[in-house]
Amino acid sequence: MAMTAFAPAITRSRELIAEKTNQVALKIVTNDSESKQADRKFFALFISVSGVVGVAVLLLINTLLAQDAFELSRLKAESRLVSDQREALARAIEYSSSPSALARSATALGMRPSDSPVFLNLDASTQQVGIKLNG
């Protein structure tokens, strides 16, 4: 009977020992919930900053491309203008070198048309060239 009287005390002492062991184990292990929260805050801040920087870089690239598009449009218009001027100069040169324009400018200089045109034949095979040597 003595043994059964001690049974609740033994059971209770086992519970106390298990509880004390758990408290000691909990005292040894640090609380990690604060450091995990800090890691999450750092990660969220990092993702936010990298997102904002990415959007800013895309905006800058888009602005530079738009600027280049305006510059390209201006250069194309300038190229068309230069091409038109070149064509106008070519037409002016063609007009001034036409036979009717040359006849008018010759008449203005006092030249008159020939009644009997004479043509020079520069073909050497048909001409006789006489060379006298002094000797």
C-alpha atoms as a PDB file:
ATOM      1  CA  MET A   1       0.000   0.000   0.000  1.00  0.00           C
ATOM      2  CA  ALA A   2       2.845   2.251   0.495  1.00  0.00           C
ATOM      3  CA  MET A   3       3.748   2.083  -3.143  1.00  0.00           C
ATOM      4  CA  THR A   4       0.330   3.145  -4.314  1.00  0.00           C
ATOM      5  CA  ALA A   5       0.432   6.088  -1.978  1.00  0.00           C
ATOM      6  CA  PHE A   6       3.542   7.348  -3.702  1.00  0.00           C
ATOM      7  CA  ALA A   7       2.157   6.952  -7.246  1.00  0.00           C
ATOM      8  CA  PRO A   8       0.559  10.411  -7.527  1.00  0.00           C
ATOM      9  CA  ALA A   9       3.714  12.019  -6.181  1.00  0.00           C
ATOM     10  CA  ILE A  10       5.882  10.185  -8.683  1.00  0.00           C
ATOM     11  CA  THR A  11       3.597  11.143 -11.530  1.00  0.00           C
ATOM     12  CA  ARG A  12       3.542  14.712 -10.319  1.00  0.00           C
ATOM     13  CA  SER A  13       7.295  14.858  -9.988  1.00  0.00           C
ATOM     14  CA  ARG A  14       7.690  13.553 -13.535  1.00  0.00           C
ATOM     15  CA  GLU A  15       5.408  16.322 -14.759  1.00  0.00           C
ATOM     16  CA  LEU A  16       7.442  18.934 -12.837  1.00  0.00           C
ATOM     17  CA  ILE A  17      10.701  17.594 -14.242  1.00  0.00           C
ATOM     18  CA  ALA A  18       9.295  17.645 -17.806  1.00  0.00           C
ATOM     19  CA  GLU A  19       7.995  21.191 -17.289  1.00  0.00           C
ATOM     20  CA  LYS A  20      11.295  22.414 -15.841  1.00  0.00           C
ATOM     21  CA  THR A  21      13.151  20.756 -18.732  1.00  0.00           C
ATOM     22  CA  ASN A  22      10.918  22.526 -21.253  1.00  0.00           C
ATOM     23  CA  GLN A  23      11.456  25.886 -19.533  1.00  0.00           C
ATOM     24  CA  VAL A  24      15.206  25.379 -19.528  1.00  0.00           C
ATOM     25  CA  ALA A  25      15.125  24.399 -23.210  1.00  0.00           C
ATOM     26  CA  LEU A  26      13.025  27.443 -24.007  1.00  0.00           C
ATOM     27  CA  LYS A  27      15.450  29.675 -22.150  1.00  0.00           C
ATOM     28  CA  ILE A  28      18.390  28.355 -24.162  1.00  0.00           C
ATOM     29  CA  VAL A  29      16.762  28.870 -27.558  1.00  0.00           C
ATOM     30  CA  THR A  30      16.426  32.546 -28.572  1.00  0.00           C
ATOM     31  CA  ASN A  31      13.252  34.078 -29.930  1.00  0.00           C
ATOM     32  CA  ASP A  32      13.628  34.179 -33.751  1.00  0.00           C
ATOM     33  CA  SER A  33      10.334  35.843 -34.589  1.00  0.00           C
ATOM     34  CA  GLU A  34      11.829  39.397 -34.365  1.00  0.00           C
ATOM     35  CA  SER A  35      14.745  38.618 -36.695  1.00  0.00           C
ATOM     36  CA  LYS A  36      12.402  36.968 -39.202  1.00  0.00           C
ATOM     37  CA  GLN A  37      10.233  40.080 -39.123  1.00  0.00           C
ATOM     38  CA  ALA A  38      13.325  42.232 -39.732  1.00  0.00           C
ATOM     39  CA  ASP A  39      14.321  40.031 -42.673  1.00  0.00           C
ATOM     40  CA  ARG A  40      10.839  40.398 -44.165  1.00  0.00           C
ATOM     41  CA  LYS A  41      10.983  44.193 -43.781  1.00  0.00           C
ATOM     42  CA  PHE A  42      14.397  44.309 -45.456  1.00  0.00           C
ATOM     43  CA  PHE A  43      13.181  42.104 -48.313  1.00  0.00           C
ATOM     44  CA  ALA A  44      10.042  44.195 -48.805  1.00  0.00           C
ATOM     45  CA  LEU A  45      12.118  47.402 -48.774  1.00  0.00           C
ATOM     46  CA  PHE A  46      14.599  45.914 -51.252  1.00  0.00           C
ATOM     47  CA  ILE A  47      11.841  44.821 -53.645  1.00  0.00           C
ATOM     48  CA  SER A  48      10.137  48.228 -53.399  1.00  0.00           C
ATOM     49  CA  VAL A  49      13.339  50.190 -54.025  1.00  0.00           C
ATOM     50  CA  SER A  50      14.364  47.968 -56.938  1.00  0.00           C
ATOM     51  CA  GLY A  51      10.871  48.350 -58.445  1.00  0.00           C
ATOM     52  CA  VAL A  52      10.978  52.136 -58.172  1.00  0.00           C
ATOM     53  CA  VAL A  53      14.489  52.272 -59.639  1.00  0.00           C
ATOM     54  CA  GLY A  54      13.413  49.985 -62.500  1.00  0.00           C
ATOM     55  CA  VAL A  55      10.408  52.165 -63.324  1.00  0.00           C
ATOM     56  CA  ALA A  56      12.599  55.292 -63.200  1.00  0.00           C
ATOM     57  CA  VAL A  57      15.144  53.727 -65.577  1.00  0.00           C
ATOM     58  CA  LEU A  58      12.374  52.699 -67.985  1.00  0.00           C
ATOM     59  CA  LEU A  59      10.966  56.231 -67.889  1.00  0.00           C
ATOM     60  CA  LEU A  60      14.408  57.669 -68.633  1.00  0.00           C
ATOM     61  CA  ILE A  61      14.936  55.278 -71.552  1.00  0.00           C
ATOM     62  CA  ASN A  62      11.485  56.085 -72.930  1.00  0.00           C
ATOM     63  CA  THR A  63      12.186  59.818 -72.680  1.00  0.00           C
ATOM     64  CA  LEU A  64      15.508  59.450 -74.506  1.00  0.00           C
ATOM     65  CA  LEU A  65      13.875  57.397 -77.244  1.00  0.00           C
ATOM     66  CA  ALA A  66      11.137  60.000 -77.661  1.00  0.00           C
ATOM     67  CA  GLN A  67      13.786  62.714 -77.890  1.00  0.00           C
ATOM     68  CA  ASP A  68      15.600  60.732 -80.585  1.00  0.00           C
ATOM     69  CA  ALA A  69      12.335  60.255 -82.469  1.00  0.00           C
ATOM     70  CA  PHE A  70      11.787  64.029 -82.564  1.00  0.00           C
ATOM     71  CA  GLU A  71      15.377  64.551 -83.714  1.00  0.00           C
ATOM     72  CA  LEU A  72      14.941  61.920 -86.419  1.00  0.00           C
ATOM     73  CA  SER A  73      11.742  63.582 -87.627  1.00  0.00           C
ATOM     74  CA  ARG A  74      13.484  66.962 -87.794  1.00  0.00           C
ATOM     75  CA  LEU A  75      16.427  65.485 -89.710  1.00  0.00           C
ATOM     76  CA  LYS A  76      14.091  63.779 -92.211  1.00  0.00           C
ATOM     77  CA  ALA A  77      12.321  67.092 -92.875  1.00  0.00           C
ATOM     78  CA  GLU A  78      15.688  68.812 -93.338  1.00  0.00           C
ATOM     79  CA  SER A  79      16.781  66.037 -95.714  1.00  0.00           C
ATOM     80  CA  ARG A  80      13.619  66.505 -97.794  1.00  0.00           C
ATOM     81  CA  LEU A  81      14.291  70.265 -97.968  1.00  0.00           C
ATOM     82  CA  VAL A  82      17.896  69.743 -99.109  1.00  0.00           C
ATOM     83  CA  SER A  83      16.741  67.197-101.692  1.00  0.00           C
ATOM     84  CA  ASP A  84      14.170  69.663-103.040  1.00  0.00           C
ATOM     85  CA  GLN A  85      16.811  72.397-103.248  1.00  0.00           C
ATOM     86  CA  ARG A  86      19.174  70.031-105.076  1.00  0.00           C
ATOM     87  CA  GLU A  87      16.441  69.183-107.607  1.00  0.00           C
ATOM     88  CA  ALA A  88      15.674  72.890-108.124  1.00  0.00           C
ATOM     89  CA  LEU A  89      19.350  73.617-108.778  1.00  0.00           C
ATOM     90  CA  ALA A  90      19.557  70.697-111.223  1.00  0.00           C
ATOM     91  CA  ARG A  91      16.499  72.029-113.105  1.00  0.00           C
ATOM     92  CA  ALA A  92      18.045  75.526-113.217  1.00  0.00           C
ATOM     93  CA  ILE A  93      21.292  74.134-114.622  1.00  0.00           C
ATOM     94  CA  GLU A  94      19.403  72.070-117.199  1.00  0.00           C
ATOM     95  CA  TYR A  95      17.388  75.140-118.254  1.00  0.00           C
ATOM     96  CA  SER A  96      20.433  77.374-118.564  1.00  0.00           C
ATOM     97  CA  SER A  97      22.307  74.775-120.639  1.00  0.00           C
ATOM     98  CA  SER A  98      19.430  74.107-123.034  1.00  0.00           C
ATOM     99  CA  PRO A  99      19.981  75.092-126.685  1.00  0.00           C
ATOM    100  CA  SER A 100      17.327  77.829-126.640  1.00  0.00           C
ATOM    101  CA  ALA A 101      18.818  79.424-123.513  1.00  0.00           C
ATOM    102  CA  LEU A 102      22.314  79.252-125.006  1.00  0.00           C
ATOM    103  CA  ALA A 103      21.025  80.926-128.226  1.00  0.00           C
ATOM    104  CA  ARG A 104      19.393  83.705-126.225  1.00  0.00           C
ATOM    105  CA  SER A 105      22.530  84.372-124.158  1.00  0.00           C
ATOM    106  CA  ALA A 106      24.702  84.324-127.337  1.00  0.00           C
ATOM    107  CA  THR A 107      22.363  86.847-128.979  1.00  0.00           C
ATOM    108  CA  ALA A 108      22.539  88.990-125.839  1.00  0.00           C
ATOM    109  CA  LEU A 109      26.336  88.957-126.110  1.00  0.00           C
ATOM    110  CA  GLY A 110      26.166  90.165-129.715  1.00  0.00           C
ATOM    111  CA  MET A 111      26.772  86.908-131.505  1.00  0.00           C
ATOM    112  CA  ARG A 112      24.789  86.101-134.627  1.00  0.00           C
ATOM    113  CA  PRO A 113      23.899  82.810-136.230  1.00  0.00           C
ATOM    114  CA  SER A 114      26.081  81.596-139.082  1.00  0.00           C
ATOM    115  CA  ASP A 115      24.592  81.394-142.576  1.00  0.00           C
ATOM    116  CA  SER A 116      27.107  78.839-143.839  1.00  0.00           C
ATOM    117  CA  PRO A 117      28.378  76.601-141.088  1.00  0.00           C
ATOM    118  CA  VAL A 118      31.836  75.109-141.484  1.00  0.00           C
ATOM    119  CA  PHE A 119      32.700  71.938-139.685  1.00  0.00           C
ATOM    120  CA  LEU A 120      36.202  70.924-138.695  1.00  0.00           C
ATOM    121  CA  ASN A 121      37.242  67.393-139.407  1.00  0.00           C
ATOM    122  CA  LEU A 122      39.748  66.344-136.836  1.00  0.00           C
ATOM    123  CA  ASP A 123      40.134  62.803-138.118  1.00  0.00           C
ATOM    124  CA  ALA A 124      43.885  62.373-138.835  1.00  0.00           C
ATOM    125  CA  SER A 125      43.448  59.621-141.406  1.00  0.00           C
ATOM    126  CA  THR A 126      41.654  61.891-143.904  1.00  0.00           C
ATOM    127  CA  GLN A 127      43.884  64.931-143.434  1.00  0.00           C
ATOM    128  CA  GLN A 128      47.276  65.232-144.998  1.00  0.00           C
ATOM    129  CA  VAL A 129      49.754  66.718-142.706  1.00  0.00           C
ATOM    130  CA  GLY A 130      52.841  68.114-144.374  1.00  0.00           C
ATOM    131  CA  ILE A 131      55.883  68.580-142.260  1.00  0.00           C
ATOM    132  CA  LYS A 132      58.919  70.226-143.733  1.00  0.00           C
ATOM    133  CA  LEU A 133      62.234  69.586-142.169  1.00  0.00           C
ATOM    134  CA  ASN A 134      64.893  72.204-142.580  1.00  0.00           C
ATOM    135  CA  GLY A 135      67.968  70.490-143.504  1.00  0.00           C
END
